[in-house]
Every structure is written in C-alpha cells, then in structure tokens.
Amino acid sequence: MPQDFRAYLEAALSSFDLEALAETQLDQLVKHYSMLRHWNRRINLTRIIEAKEAAVLHYAESLLGVRLIGDATSVLDIGSGAGFPAVPLTVARPDVQVTALEANQKKSLFLKEVKDELDLANFTVVRARLESFDSSSYDLLTIRALDRAEAILPSVIGRLADRQRLMLYCARGLLTTLERSLDSSLSVETHDIPQSESRLIATFSREE
C-alpha cells in the first residue's frame, strides 16, 4: 500500500502542476501516510484514507500552499489534526519553521510521533486551544479543517496583525459568509484548487 501511495502522490503532484519532490521528501510523506492509516484504526484522524483519494485531497491540496508561503519564515497550522497542511508544508519547505497547534491529546500525540519518525527538525507540536495561544508572532497562519469554523474564523481573521497572513483552505460558501464580516482594512485573495469545483485557498491579510 505505501508504494501504491507513492505512485498516486507523484501523479497527483503532476496533475496539480506542482514541483516534483526529492526522493527523501517523498519517503517522508509515504511514511506519514503509513502512520496515518495505522493510527486511524484507533483514533478518528480522517475519513479520507484510500491511497489515491488521500494523495489528491490531503497531500497535493496541502502542497498547493507552498506557492503561497512567500517570504514567511514561521507558520502556525491551527487545528492541525492529522497534519494537513502542516506536515506536507514542513517536508516541502525545510527552511520554514512550522508549528502544529492541536488541542486534542491523542491527535497531538500522533503529530509528535510524526515529528520523530520523519525526523522533522523544523516542525513543532503544541497542544493548546486557540483561544489560549498567542499567535501574533507567526508570519503565516494556516487552517484547513476547523470545528465550528463559521463561529471561530471571524475572530481569527479579525485578530490578524500587520504583515501577518492567514491561508485558509475552505469551501466557496464559507468564504462568501466570511467576506460579509470583513472590515475595510482586510483584503482577501482566492486561489483555485485543481480538480475541485467547491474548494479553494483564500489568503487574508491586513493592509498597512
């Protein structure tokens, strides 16, 4: 199964027109996928577990964010869960410090195991709730799957500091809802996700 996943992942990266990863980076993501399948038997990390589907919807989609990191040197992935987009971004950009913020004890333990098994020197796992964590020092915030997103996201966006950005993987309907509450100092750009009619990446920033 891991070898099948490797082929699916390489095909997904090509179909998304993404830069090919080095062999060592592919090895790390294959290992992450193998760990994800193993741990998912005990805790609910994701419903998307089949190799081809996971390669596209989890890994290739997460890696689209590499294009949007820009000059950020520190990234905070809020509600990281199984590690998307945090782990693929960490693997693809070893020059960027990525922190996975996860309140759930079992999921945070999984992420710590991933850090050790993949030997990710630029990856940190913090077990804490968003409301009790100071995110102001990070250049880029990322969110891909967040419980009660419609209730929580307006506060996250509203607290963005100057020169700080949020990269949000979301459905078009959620973005439409969020845009109604944006104040005039905030700007948003949208980036289509290949092979999806309903999902996109939206980047929010505060205009100086």
N, C-alpha and C. Protein backbone atom coordinates (compact mmCIF):
# COMPACT_ATOMS: atom_id res chain seq x y z
N MET A 1 0.81 -1.22 0.00
CA MET A 1 0.00 0.00 0.00
C MET A 1 0.85 1.28 0.00
N PRO A 2 1.91 1.42 0.83
CA PRO A 2 2.72 2.64 0.77
C PRO A 2 3.32 2.89 -0.61
N GLN A 3 3.76 1.82 -1.29
CA GLN A 3 4.34 2.01 -2.63
C GLN A 3 3.28 2.46 -3.63
N ASP A 4 2.05 1.93 -3.51
CA ASP A 4 0.95 2.40 -4.34
C ASP A 4 0.71 3.88 -4.07
N PHE A 5 0.76 4.26 -2.80
CA PHE A 5 0.53 5.65 -2.44
C PHE A 5 1.59 6.55 -3.05
N ARG A 6 2.82 6.11 -3.06
CA ARG A 6 3.90 6.91 -3.64
C ARG A 6 3.61 7.24 -5.10
N ALA A 7 3.16 6.25 -5.86
CA ALA A 7 2.84 6.46 -7.27
C ALA A 7 1.65 7.42 -7.41
N TYR A 8 0.65 7.23 -6.57
CA TYR A 8 -0.51 8.13 -6.61
C TYR A 8 -0.11 9.56 -6.24
N LEU A 9 0.78 9.70 -5.27
CA LEU A 9 1.22 11.02 -4.85
C LEU A 9 1.97 11.73 -5.97
N GLU A 10 2.89 11.03 -6.60
CA GLU A 10 3.64 11.63 -7.70
C GLU A 10 2.70 12.04 -8.84
N ALA A 11 1.70 11.21 -9.12
CA ALA A 11 0.72 11.54 -10.17
C ALA A 11 -0.11 12.76 -9.77
N ALA A 12 -0.48 12.83 -8.49
CA ALA A 12 -1.28 13.96 -8.01
C ALA A 12 -0.50 15.25 -8.09
N LEU A 13 0.76 15.24 -7.73
CA LEU A 13 1.59 16.44 -7.81
C LEU A 13 1.69 16.92 -9.26
N SER A 14 1.84 15.97 -10.18
CA SER A 14 1.93 16.32 -11.59
C SER A 14 0.61 16.91 -12.10
N SER A 15 -0.50 16.31 -11.68
CA SER A 15 -1.81 16.78 -12.15
C SER A 15 -2.15 18.16 -11.59
N PHE A 16 -1.56 18.51 -10.44
CA PHE A 16 -1.76 19.83 -9.85
C PHE A 16 -0.72 20.83 -10.37
N ASP A 17 0.16 20.38 -11.25
CA ASP A 17 1.23 21.20 -11.80
C ASP A 17 2.15 21.72 -10.68
N LEU A 18 2.44 20.85 -9.73
CA LEU A 18 3.32 21.20 -8.61
C LEU A 18 4.72 20.69 -8.88
N GLU A 19 5.69 21.36 -8.30
CA GLU A 19 7.08 20.95 -8.46
C GLU A 19 7.30 19.58 -7.83
N ALA A 20 8.05 18.73 -8.52
CA ALA A 20 8.34 17.40 -8.00
C ALA A 20 9.13 17.49 -6.70
N LEU A 21 8.88 16.56 -5.80
CA LEU A 21 9.61 16.50 -4.55
C LEU A 21 10.84 15.61 -4.69
N ALA A 22 11.83 15.85 -3.84
CA ALA A 22 13.01 14.98 -3.81
C ALA A 22 12.62 13.61 -3.27
N GLU A 23 13.44 12.61 -3.55
CA GLU A 23 13.15 11.25 -3.10
C GLU A 23 12.99 11.17 -1.59
N THR A 24 13.85 11.89 -0.86
CA THR A 24 13.76 11.86 0.61
C THR A 24 12.46 12.49 1.08
N GLN A 25 11.99 13.51 0.40
CA GLN A 25 10.72 14.15 0.77
C GLN A 25 9.54 13.22 0.49
N LEU A 26 9.59 12.54 -0.65
CA LEU A 26 8.55 11.55 -0.94
C LEU A 26 8.55 10.45 0.10
N ASP A 27 9.73 10.00 0.51
CA ASP A 27 9.83 8.97 1.54
C ASP A 27 9.14 9.43 2.82
N GLN A 28 9.34 10.68 3.19
CA GLN A 28 8.75 11.20 4.42
C GLN A 28 7.23 11.23 4.33
N LEU A 29 6.69 11.64 3.19
CA LEU A 29 5.24 11.70 3.06
C LEU A 29 4.62 10.31 2.96
N VAL A 30 5.31 9.38 2.35
CA VAL A 30 4.85 7.98 2.34
C VAL A 30 4.80 7.44 3.76
N LYS A 31 5.80 7.76 4.55
CA LYS A 31 5.83 7.31 5.95
C LYS A 31 4.68 7.95 6.74
N HIS A 32 4.44 9.24 6.50
CA HIS A 32 3.32 9.91 7.17
C HIS A 32 2.00 9.23 6.82
N TYR A 33 1.82 8.92 5.54
CA TYR A 33 0.58 8.24 5.12
C TYR A 33 0.45 6.87 5.79
N SER A 34 1.55 6.13 5.88
CA SER A 34 1.52 4.82 6.54
C SER A 34 1.15 4.96 8.01
N MET A 35 1.71 5.95 8.68
CA MET A 35 1.38 6.20 10.09
C MET A 35 -0.09 6.61 10.22
N LEU A 36 -0.56 7.44 9.29
CA LEU A 36 -1.95 7.89 9.30
C LEU A 36 -2.91 6.71 9.22
N ARG A 37 -2.65 5.76 8.34
CA ARG A 37 -3.51 4.58 8.21
C ARG A 37 -3.49 3.76 9.49
N HIS A 38 -2.31 3.60 10.08
CA HIS A 38 -2.17 2.80 11.29
C HIS A 38 -2.91 3.44 12.47
N TRP A 39 -2.68 4.72 12.68
CA TRP A 39 -3.30 5.41 13.81
C TRP A 39 -4.80 5.59 13.62
N ASN A 40 -5.24 5.67 12.38
CA ASN A 40 -6.65 5.91 12.11
C ASN A 40 -7.53 4.75 12.54
N ARG A 41 -6.92 3.60 12.78
CA ARG A 41 -7.68 2.45 13.29
C ARG A 41 -8.08 2.67 14.74
N ARG A 42 -7.33 3.51 15.44
CA ARG A 42 -7.57 3.72 16.87
C ARG A 42 -8.23 5.06 17.18
N ILE A 43 -7.86 6.10 16.44
CA ILE A 43 -8.45 7.41 16.65
C ILE A 43 -8.91 7.97 15.30
N ASN A 44 -9.93 8.79 15.34
CA ASN A 44 -10.50 9.31 14.10
C ASN A 44 -9.69 10.51 13.62
N LEU A 45 -8.70 10.26 12.78
CA LEU A 45 -7.88 11.33 12.22
C LEU A 45 -8.49 11.88 10.94
N THR A 46 -9.02 10.99 10.10
CA THR A 46 -9.60 11.42 8.83
C THR A 46 -10.50 10.32 8.28
N ARG A 47 -11.51 10.76 7.52
CA ARG A 47 -12.35 9.78 6.82
C ARG A 47 -11.78 9.44 5.45
N ILE A 48 -10.84 10.27 4.97
CA ILE A 48 -10.22 10.05 3.66
C ILE A 48 -8.94 9.25 3.86
N ILE A 49 -8.98 7.97 3.58
CA ILE A 49 -7.85 7.11 3.88
C ILE A 49 -7.37 6.31 2.67
N GLU A 50 -8.24 6.15 1.65
CA GLU A 50 -7.85 5.39 0.45
C GLU A 50 -6.71 6.12 -0.25
N ALA A 51 -5.73 5.36 -0.73
CA ALA A 51 -4.46 5.94 -1.18
C ALA A 51 -4.61 7.01 -2.25
N LYS A 52 -5.35 6.71 -3.31
CA LYS A 52 -5.45 7.66 -4.42
C LYS A 52 -6.17 8.93 -3.99
N GLU A 53 -7.25 8.76 -3.22
CA GLU A 53 -8.03 9.91 -2.75
C GLU A 53 -7.21 10.76 -1.78
N ALA A 54 -6.49 10.11 -0.88
CA ALA A 54 -5.67 10.84 0.08
C ALA A 54 -4.55 11.61 -0.61
N ALA A 55 -3.95 11.01 -1.63
CA ALA A 55 -2.86 11.67 -2.35
C ALA A 55 -3.32 13.00 -2.95
N VAL A 56 -4.55 13.01 -3.47
CA VAL A 56 -5.08 14.22 -4.10
C VAL A 56 -5.62 15.19 -3.06
N LEU A 57 -6.55 14.71 -2.23
CA LEU A 57 -7.32 15.60 -1.36
C LEU A 57 -6.56 16.05 -0.12
N HIS A 58 -5.63 15.25 0.36
CA HIS A 58 -4.85 15.65 1.53
C HIS A 58 -3.49 16.22 1.14
N TYR A 59 -2.71 15.44 0.41
CA TYR A 59 -1.30 15.80 0.21
C TYR A 59 -1.11 16.84 -0.90
N ALA A 60 -1.63 16.59 -2.09
CA ALA A 60 -1.45 17.56 -3.18
C ALA A 60 -2.13 18.88 -2.84
N GLU A 61 -3.33 18.80 -2.27
CA GLU A 61 -4.04 20.02 -1.89
C GLU A 61 -3.23 20.81 -0.86
N SER A 62 -2.68 20.12 0.14
CA SER A 62 -1.87 20.81 1.14
C SER A 62 -0.65 21.46 0.51
N LEU A 63 -0.02 20.76 -0.43
CA LEU A 63 1.21 21.26 -1.04
C LEU A 63 0.98 22.45 -1.97
N LEU A 64 -0.26 22.71 -2.35
CA LEU A 64 -0.56 23.93 -3.10
C LEU A 64 -0.15 25.16 -2.28
N GLY A 65 -0.22 25.02 -0.98
CA GLY A 65 0.12 26.13 -0.10
C GLY A 65 1.57 26.55 -0.17
N VAL A 66 2.45 25.68 -0.68
CA VAL A 66 3.87 26.03 -0.81
C VAL A 66 4.02 27.29 -1.65
N ARG A 67 3.18 27.42 -2.67
CA ARG A 67 3.25 28.58 -3.56
C ARG A 67 2.86 29.88 -2.85
N LEU A 68 2.13 29.76 -1.75
CA LEU A 68 1.58 30.93 -1.08
C LEU A 68 2.33 31.30 0.20
N ILE A 69 3.35 30.54 0.54
CA ILE A 69 4.12 30.84 1.75
C ILE A 69 4.87 32.16 1.60
N GLY A 70 5.35 32.42 0.39
CA GLY A 70 6.05 33.68 0.14
C GLY A 70 7.31 33.79 0.97
N ASP A 71 7.50 34.94 1.62
CA ASP A 71 8.71 35.15 2.43
C ASP A 71 8.50 34.83 3.90
N ALA A 72 7.41 34.16 4.22
CA ALA A 72 7.16 33.76 5.61
C ALA A 72 8.23 32.78 6.08
N THR A 73 8.71 32.96 7.30
CA THR A 73 9.68 32.03 7.87
C THR A 73 9.10 31.23 9.02
N SER A 74 7.89 31.61 9.48
CA SER A 74 7.24 30.87 10.56
C SER A 74 5.76 30.69 10.24
N VAL A 75 5.28 29.47 10.39
CA VAL A 75 3.91 29.11 10.05
C VAL A 75 3.25 28.44 11.25
N LEU A 76 2.02 28.84 11.55
CA LEU A 76 1.23 28.19 12.59
C LEU A 76 0.02 27.54 11.94
N ASP A 77 -0.07 26.20 12.03
CA ASP A 77 -1.22 25.47 11.50
C ASP A 77 -2.21 25.25 12.63
N ILE A 78 -3.35 25.90 12.55
CA ILE A 78 -4.34 25.89 13.63
C ILE A 78 -5.29 24.71 13.46
N GLY A 79 -5.42 23.90 14.52
CA GLY A 79 -6.26 22.72 14.45
C GLY A 79 -5.71 21.70 13.49
N SER A 80 -4.45 21.36 13.66
CA SER A 80 -3.71 20.58 12.65
C SER A 80 -4.24 19.17 12.45
N GLY A 81 -4.79 18.56 13.48
CA GLY A 81 -5.40 17.24 13.33
C GLY A 81 -4.41 16.18 12.87
N ALA A 82 -4.63 15.63 11.67
CA ALA A 82 -3.75 14.60 11.11
C ALA A 82 -2.47 15.18 10.52
N GLY A 83 -2.39 16.53 10.49
CA GLY A 83 -1.17 17.17 9.99
C GLY A 83 -1.29 17.79 8.62
N PHE A 84 -2.50 18.21 8.25
CA PHE A 84 -2.70 18.85 6.96
C PHE A 84 -3.17 20.29 7.15
N PRO A 85 -2.49 21.25 6.58
CA PRO A 85 -1.36 21.12 5.64
C PRO A 85 0.02 21.09 6.29
N ALA A 86 0.08 21.06 7.64
CA ALA A 86 1.36 21.27 8.34
C ALA A 86 2.47 20.33 7.90
N VAL A 87 2.19 19.02 7.86
CA VAL A 87 3.27 18.07 7.58
C VAL A 87 3.78 18.19 6.13
N PRO A 88 2.91 18.20 5.12
CA PRO A 88 3.42 18.40 3.76
C PRO A 88 4.19 19.71 3.60
N LEU A 89 3.73 20.80 4.22
CA LEU A 89 4.44 22.07 4.13
C LEU A 89 5.80 21.97 4.80
N THR A 90 5.87 21.31 5.94
CA THR A 90 7.13 21.12 6.66
C THR A 90 8.14 20.36 5.81
N VAL A 91 7.65 19.30 5.18
CA VAL A 91 8.52 18.47 4.34
C VAL A 91 9.00 19.23 3.11
N ALA A 92 8.09 19.97 2.48
CA ALA A 92 8.44 20.67 1.24
C ALA A 92 9.30 21.90 1.47
N ARG A 93 9.19 22.53 2.66
CA ARG A 93 9.93 23.75 2.94
C ARG A 93 10.72 23.60 4.25
N PRO A 94 11.84 22.87 4.23
CA PRO A 94 12.64 22.68 5.44
C PRO A 94 13.26 23.96 5.97
N ASP A 95 13.20 25.03 5.17
CA ASP A 95 13.74 26.33 5.60
C ASP A 95 12.73 27.13 6.41
N VAL A 96 11.50 26.64 6.52
CA VAL A 96 10.43 27.35 7.24
C VAL A 96 10.10 26.59 8.52
N GLN A 97 9.95 27.31 9.62
CA GLN A 97 9.57 26.71 10.89
C GLN A 97 8.05 26.59 10.97
N VAL A 98 7.56 25.36 11.09
CA VAL A 98 6.12 25.10 11.11
C VAL A 98 5.71 24.58 12.48
N THR A 99 4.69 25.20 13.05
CA THR A 99 4.15 24.77 14.34
C THR A 99 2.73 24.26 14.13
N ALA A 100 2.45 23.05 14.63
CA ALA A 100 1.12 22.47 14.57
C ALA A 100 0.43 22.69 15.91
N LEU A 101 -0.66 23.43 15.90
CA LEU A 101 -1.44 23.70 17.11
C LEU A 101 -2.62 22.76 17.15
N GLU A 102 -2.67 21.89 18.14
CA GLU A 102 -3.72 20.88 18.21
C GLU A 102 -4.13 20.68 19.68
N ALA A 103 -5.40 20.88 19.98
CA ALA A 103 -5.88 20.79 21.36
C ALA A 103 -6.14 19.35 21.80
N ASN A 104 -6.47 18.49 20.84
CA ASN A 104 -6.80 17.10 21.19
C ASN A 104 -5.56 16.32 21.58
N GLN A 105 -5.61 15.66 22.73
CA GLN A 105 -4.43 14.98 23.26
C GLN A 105 -3.95 13.86 22.34
N LYS A 106 -4.85 13.03 21.85
CA LYS A 106 -4.45 11.89 21.01
C LYS A 106 -3.91 12.37 19.66
N LYS A 107 -4.53 13.38 19.09
CA LYS A 107 -4.05 13.89 17.81
C LYS A 107 -2.70 14.58 17.96
N SER A 108 -2.51 15.30 19.07
CA SER A 108 -1.22 15.94 19.29
C SER A 108 -0.13 14.89 19.52
N LEU A 109 -0.48 13.78 20.16
CA LEU A 109 0.48 12.70 20.34
C LEU A 109 0.86 12.09 19.00
N PHE A 110 -0.13 11.91 18.11
CA PHE A 110 0.16 11.43 16.76
C PHE A 110 1.14 12.35 16.06
N LEU A 111 0.91 13.65 16.14
CA LEU A 111 1.78 14.61 15.46
C LEU A 111 3.20 14.59 16.02
N LYS A 112 3.32 14.37 17.32
CA LYS A 112 4.65 14.27 17.92
C LYS A 112 5.38 13.02 17.45
N GLU A 113 4.63 11.94 17.28
CA GLU A 113 5.22 10.72 16.72
C GLU A 113 5.67 10.95 15.28
N VAL A 114 4.86 11.69 14.53
CA VAL A 114 5.22 12.02 13.15
C VAL A 114 6.52 12.82 13.11
N LYS A 115 6.62 13.80 13.98
CA LYS A 115 7.85 14.62 14.05
C LYS A 115 9.07 13.73 14.25
N ASP A 116 8.97 12.79 15.18
CA ASP A 116 10.10 11.92 15.50
C ASP A 116 10.40 10.95 14.36
N GLU A 117 9.35 10.30 13.84
CA GLU A 117 9.54 9.27 12.81
C GLU A 117 10.05 9.86 11.49
N LEU A 118 9.61 11.07 11.17
CA LEU A 118 10.03 11.70 9.92
C LEU A 118 11.27 12.56 10.10
N ASP A 119 11.72 12.70 11.35
CA ASP A 119 12.91 13.48 11.68
C ASP A 119 12.77 14.91 11.15
N LEU A 120 11.70 15.57 11.57
CA LEU A 120 11.38 16.90 11.09
C LEU A 120 11.93 17.95 12.07
N ALA A 121 13.11 18.47 11.77
CA ALA A 121 13.75 19.44 12.65
C ALA A 121 13.02 20.77 12.68
N ASN A 122 12.30 21.09 11.61
CA ASN A 122 11.60 22.39 11.51
C ASN A 122 10.13 22.29 11.87
N PHE A 123 9.75 21.25 12.62
CA PHE A 123 8.35 21.00 12.97
C PHE A 123 8.20 20.96 14.47
N THR A 124 7.23 21.71 14.99
CA THR A 124 6.95 21.74 16.42
C THR A 124 5.47 21.47 16.65
N VAL A 125 5.16 20.71 17.68
CA VAL A 125 3.77 20.41 18.03
C VAL A 125 3.45 21.06 19.37
N VAL A 126 2.36 21.82 19.39
CA VAL A 126 1.91 22.46 20.63
C VAL A 126 0.49 22.00 20.92
N ARG A 127 0.29 21.45 22.11
CA ARG A 127 -1.06 21.06 22.50
C ARG A 127 -1.67 22.21 23.30
N ALA A 128 -2.59 22.93 22.66
CA ALA A 128 -3.24 24.07 23.30
C ALA A 128 -4.47 24.45 22.49
N ARG A 129 -5.40 25.13 23.15
CA ARG A 129 -6.56 25.66 22.47
C ARG A 129 -6.21 27.00 21.85
N LEU A 130 -6.83 27.30 20.75
CA LEU A 130 -6.52 28.54 20.03
C LEU A 130 -6.73 29.76 20.90
N GLU A 131 -7.81 29.79 21.66
CA GLU A 131 -8.13 30.98 22.44
C GLU A 131 -7.13 31.25 23.56
N SER A 132 -6.34 30.25 23.93
CA SER A 132 -5.35 30.45 24.99
C SER A 132 -3.92 30.51 24.45
N PHE A 133 -3.78 30.61 23.12
CA PHE A 133 -2.46 30.59 22.50
C PHE A 133 -2.21 31.91 21.78
N ASP A 134 -1.03 32.47 21.97
CA ASP A 134 -0.66 33.73 21.33
C ASP A 134 -0.07 33.43 19.94
N SER A 135 -0.81 33.79 18.90
CA SER A 135 -0.38 33.50 17.53
C SER A 135 0.23 34.72 16.84
N SER A 136 0.41 35.79 17.57
CA SER A 136 0.78 37.07 16.94
C SER A 136 2.20 37.08 16.36
N SER A 137 3.06 36.17 16.79
CA SER A 137 4.46 36.21 16.34
C SER A 137 4.69 35.45 15.03
N TYR A 138 3.67 34.76 14.53
CA TYR A 138 3.84 33.93 13.33
C TYR A 138 3.57 34.76 12.07
N ASP A 139 4.38 34.54 11.05
CA ASP A 139 4.20 35.26 9.78
C ASP A 139 2.93 34.82 9.05
N LEU A 140 2.66 33.52 9.11
CA LEU A 140 1.55 32.95 8.35
C LEU A 140 0.77 31.97 9.21
N LEU A 141 -0.55 32.12 9.24
CA LEU A 141 -1.43 31.15 9.89
C LEU A 141 -2.08 30.31 8.81
N THR A 142 -2.25 29.02 9.08
CA THR A 142 -2.95 28.16 8.12
C THR A 142 -4.07 27.42 8.84
N ILE A 143 -5.17 27.23 8.13
CA ILE A 143 -6.31 26.48 8.65
C ILE A 143 -6.89 25.67 7.50
N ARG A 144 -7.08 24.39 7.74
CA ARG A 144 -7.67 23.55 6.69
C ARG A 144 -8.95 22.87 7.16
N ALA A 145 -8.99 22.43 8.39
CA ALA A 145 -10.19 21.79 8.93
C ALA A 145 -10.33 22.23 10.38
N LEU A 146 -11.37 22.97 10.66
CA LEU A 146 -11.54 23.53 12.00
C LEU A 146 -12.98 23.37 12.43
N ASP A 147 -13.18 22.75 13.60
CA ASP A 147 -14.53 22.62 14.14
C ASP A 147 -15.13 24.00 14.39
N ARG A 148 -16.42 24.13 14.11
CA ARG A 148 -17.13 25.40 14.31
C ARG A 148 -16.44 26.56 13.58
N ALA A 149 -16.04 26.29 12.35
CA ALA A 149 -15.26 27.26 11.58
C ALA A 149 -15.99 28.60 11.41
N GLU A 150 -17.28 28.55 11.10
CA GLU A 150 -18.00 29.80 10.85
C GLU A 150 -18.03 30.68 12.09
N ALA A 151 -18.04 30.06 13.28
CA ALA A 151 -18.08 30.83 14.53
C ALA A 151 -16.71 31.35 14.92
N ILE A 152 -15.66 30.58 14.63
CA ILE A 152 -14.32 30.90 15.12
C ILE A 152 -13.53 31.77 14.14
N LEU A 153 -13.68 31.54 12.85
CA LEU A 153 -12.83 32.22 11.86
C LEU A 153 -12.93 33.75 11.87
N PRO A 154 -14.12 34.36 12.03
CA PRO A 154 -14.15 35.83 12.05
C PRO A 154 -13.24 36.42 13.13
N SER A 155 -13.14 35.77 14.28
CA SER A 155 -12.26 36.25 15.34
C SER A 155 -10.80 36.08 14.96
N VAL A 156 -10.45 34.95 14.34
CA VAL A 156 -9.08 34.70 13.91
C VAL A 156 -8.66 35.74 12.87
N ILE A 157 -9.52 35.98 11.90
CA ILE A 157 -9.22 36.94 10.84
C ILE A 157 -9.13 38.35 11.40
N GLY A 158 -10.04 38.66 12.31
CA GLY A 158 -10.06 40.00 12.89
C GLY A 158 -8.84 40.31 13.73
N ARG A 159 -8.18 39.27 14.26
CA ARG A 159 -7.00 39.48 15.11
C ARG A 159 -5.69 39.46 14.32
N LEU A 160 -5.76 39.32 13.00
CA LEU A 160 -4.52 39.31 12.22
C LEU A 160 -3.72 40.58 12.48
N ALA A 161 -2.43 40.41 12.75
CA ALA A 161 -1.55 41.55 12.97
C ALA A 161 -1.08 42.13 11.65
N ASP A 162 -0.51 43.31 11.67
CA ASP A 162 0.07 43.90 10.46
C ASP A 162 1.13 42.95 9.90
N ARG A 163 1.10 42.78 8.59
CA ARG A 163 2.06 41.93 7.86
C ARG A 163 1.89 40.43 8.17
N GLN A 164 0.82 40.08 8.89
CA GLN A 164 0.51 38.68 9.15
C GLN A 164 -0.58 38.24 8.19
N ARG A 165 -0.48 36.98 7.70
CA ARG A 165 -1.45 36.48 6.74
C ARG A 165 -2.09 35.20 7.25
N LEU A 166 -3.29 34.93 6.76
CA LEU A 166 -3.98 33.67 7.02
C LEU A 166 -4.22 32.98 5.69
N MET A 167 -3.81 31.70 5.61
CA MET A 167 -4.06 30.88 4.43
C MET A 167 -5.13 29.86 4.81
N LEU A 168 -6.32 30.03 4.26
CA LEU A 168 -7.48 29.22 4.62
C LEU A 168 -7.90 28.33 3.46
N TYR A 169 -7.91 27.02 3.69
CA TYR A 169 -8.44 26.05 2.74
C TYR A 169 -9.93 25.91 3.07
N CYS A 170 -10.81 26.24 2.14
CA CYS A 170 -12.22 26.26 2.50
C CYS A 170 -13.12 26.08 1.30
N ALA A 171 -14.41 25.92 1.57
CA ALA A 171 -15.42 25.88 0.52
C ALA A 171 -15.81 27.31 0.14
N ARG A 172 -16.28 27.47 -1.08
CA ARG A 172 -16.65 28.80 -1.55
C ARG A 172 -17.76 29.41 -0.70
N GLY A 173 -18.67 28.57 -0.23
CA GLY A 173 -19.76 29.06 0.58
C GLY A 173 -19.29 29.67 1.89
N LEU A 174 -18.30 29.04 2.51
CA LEU A 174 -17.76 29.57 3.76
C LEU A 174 -17.07 30.90 3.51
N LEU A 175 -16.34 31.01 2.42
CA LEU A 175 -15.66 32.28 2.11
C LEU A 175 -16.68 33.39 1.91
N THR A 176 -17.77 33.11 1.21
CA THR A 176 -18.81 34.12 1.00
C THR A 176 -19.36 34.61 2.33
N THR A 177 -19.57 33.70 3.26
CA THR A 177 -20.06 34.07 4.59
C THR A 177 -19.05 34.93 5.32
N LEU A 178 -17.78 34.57 5.25
CA LEU A 178 -16.74 35.31 5.95
C LEU A 178 -16.57 36.71 5.39
N GLU A 179 -16.66 36.83 4.08
CA GLU A 179 -16.44 38.13 3.44
C GLU A 179 -17.45 39.18 3.89
N ARG A 180 -18.61 38.74 4.33
CA ARG A 180 -19.63 39.69 4.80
C ARG A 180 -19.19 40.40 6.08
N SER A 181 -18.29 39.78 6.83
CA SER A 181 -17.90 40.35 8.12
C SER A 181 -16.51 41.00 8.10
N LEU A 182 -15.84 41.05 6.93
CA LEU A 182 -14.51 41.63 6.86
C LEU A 182 -14.57 43.14 7.02
N ASP A 183 -13.63 43.69 7.80
CA ASP A 183 -13.57 45.15 7.87
C ASP A 183 -12.71 45.68 6.73
N SER A 184 -12.73 46.99 6.54
CA SER A 184 -12.12 47.60 5.36
C SER A 184 -10.60 47.48 5.31
N SER A 185 -9.96 47.17 6.44
CA SER A 185 -8.50 47.07 6.45
C SER A 185 -8.00 45.69 6.05
N LEU A 186 -8.93 44.76 5.81
CA LEU A 186 -8.57 43.40 5.45
C LEU A 186 -8.78 43.16 3.96
N SER A 187 -7.86 42.44 3.37
CA SER A 187 -8.01 42.08 1.96
C SER A 187 -7.95 40.56 1.83
N VAL A 188 -8.55 40.04 0.76
CA VAL A 188 -8.58 38.59 0.55
C VAL A 188 -8.29 38.30 -0.91
N GLU A 189 -7.47 37.27 -1.14
CA GLU A 189 -7.21 36.77 -2.48
C GLU A 189 -7.62 35.30 -2.52
N THR A 190 -8.11 34.86 -3.66
CA THR A 190 -8.54 33.47 -3.78
C THR A 190 -7.70 32.74 -4.82
N HIS A 191 -7.49 31.45 -4.57
CA HIS A 191 -6.67 30.61 -5.43
C HIS A 191 -7.41 29.29 -5.61
N ASP A 192 -7.74 28.96 -6.85
CA ASP A 192 -8.50 27.75 -7.13
C ASP A 192 -7.69 26.50 -6.80
N ILE A 193 -8.39 25.49 -6.33
CA ILE A 193 -7.79 24.18 -6.11
C ILE A 193 -8.12 23.30 -7.32
N PRO A 194 -7.12 22.78 -8.02
CA PRO A 194 -7.38 21.93 -9.19
C PRO A 194 -8.29 20.75 -8.85
N GLN A 195 -9.09 20.37 -9.81
CA GLN A 195 -9.96 19.20 -9.70
C GLN A 195 -11.06 19.37 -8.65
N SER A 196 -11.33 20.61 -8.25
CA SER A 196 -12.39 20.87 -7.28
C SER A 196 -13.23 22.05 -7.74
N GLU A 197 -14.54 21.88 -7.72
CA GLU A 197 -15.44 22.97 -8.08
C GLU A 197 -15.88 23.77 -6.86
N SER A 198 -15.71 23.19 -5.67
CA SER A 198 -16.27 23.82 -4.48
C SER A 198 -15.23 24.35 -3.49
N ARG A 199 -13.96 23.93 -3.64
CA ARG A 199 -12.95 24.30 -2.66
C ARG A 199 -11.89 25.22 -3.27
N LEU A 200 -11.32 26.05 -2.40
CA LEU A 200 -10.28 26.99 -2.82
C LEU A 200 -9.39 27.30 -1.63
N ILE A 201 -8.32 28.04 -1.90
CA ILE A 201 -7.48 28.58 -0.83
C ILE A 201 -7.67 30.10 -0.85
N ALA A 202 -8.02 30.64 0.30
CA ALA A 202 -8.17 32.09 0.44
C ALA A 202 -7.06 32.61 1.35
N THR A 203 -6.41 33.68 0.95
CA THR A 203 -5.39 34.30 1.80
C THR A 203 -5.90 35.67 2.25
N PHE A 204 -5.87 35.85 3.57
CA PHE A 204 -6.32 37.08 4.19
C PHE A 204 -5.12 37.85 4.71
N SER A 205 -5.14 39.15 4.56
CA SER A 205 -4.06 39.97 5.10
C SER A 205 -4.62 41.33 5.48
N ARG A 206 -3.90 42.00 6.37
CA ARG A 206 -4.31 43.33 6.79
C ARG A 206 -3.50 44.36 6.05
N GLU A 207 -4.16 45.23 5.34
CA GLU A 207 -3.46 46.26 4.58
C GLU A 207 -2.86 47.30 5.52
N GLU A 208 -1.60 47.65 5.24
CA GLU A 208 -0.91 48.62 6.11
C GLU A 208 -1.31 50.04 5.74
